[in-house]
């Protein structure tokens, strides 16, 4: 065998060996992927990072208080992959008032005030101030997941995605059984209404700022979004909004937690 042929065989052998070795990740790649998910150390709640972006909020084809459709932009934030479950609720609250009981069912009969009390306890326990309710704009932006249709899967009802009057047997269900939205969020429509931070106003969308709107400064009611297992199709759309007193407890009401991408600057 001549030297030239031997050299070619050695090179081929080395190439095959190197091809079979596991490839090391690009520096920083694993860290980047990891940061797309946040897991609460005390509750094991999982949060998905929602990218910053702009969208058309509201609808000109729904109820008057859902109009007009208007451009809104939000900063990046994290949002719970699932609604808060009864198992997670029980970590910081002794009383479970839910009508439909199950550790992985969404907690129900939770008022806006109850949700705030839970968030305060969670923040204190984990020595942070980043857990909160999403703003209404953040909620709708996340629920749409980059879509502009009535539902995040299209303009016609699809029972594979949502617990509502037509699929629920008039009760809540364990989270995560239906298909997720494009951002990976489960049950963002249906199952239970989800409280958001904002006060409610019939006319707020007419004067809403474009960048990170926070709702009116005060009001009689708080906003809830997404509809529930008890609602008809008209109340489980991506633009669906409704209201209730901050102390209202009802078995169709629950909540989903947001997690700020950076520490909140608190007033002195």
Foldseek 3Di string as FASTA:
>chain_A
DDPVVVVVVVVVVVVVVVVPDDDDDDVCPVVVVVVQWDAQPQQRFIKGKDAWDKDFAFPPPADLLRDDTDIATEHIWIWTLKFAFPLSQVSQDVDQPAPDDDRQWFGAQAFLVNVVVSLVSSCVVVVANFKDFAAPVVLLCVQCLPHDEFHVVHPDDDVQAEQAQVHPVPAADGWDRHAAGNSNHHRSAARAWAFGQEFGDSCCRVPADRYPGRYDPDDQWTKTARWYNYHDPSQRTSNHIDTDGRNGGDNRHGHIMIGGPDGDDDDD
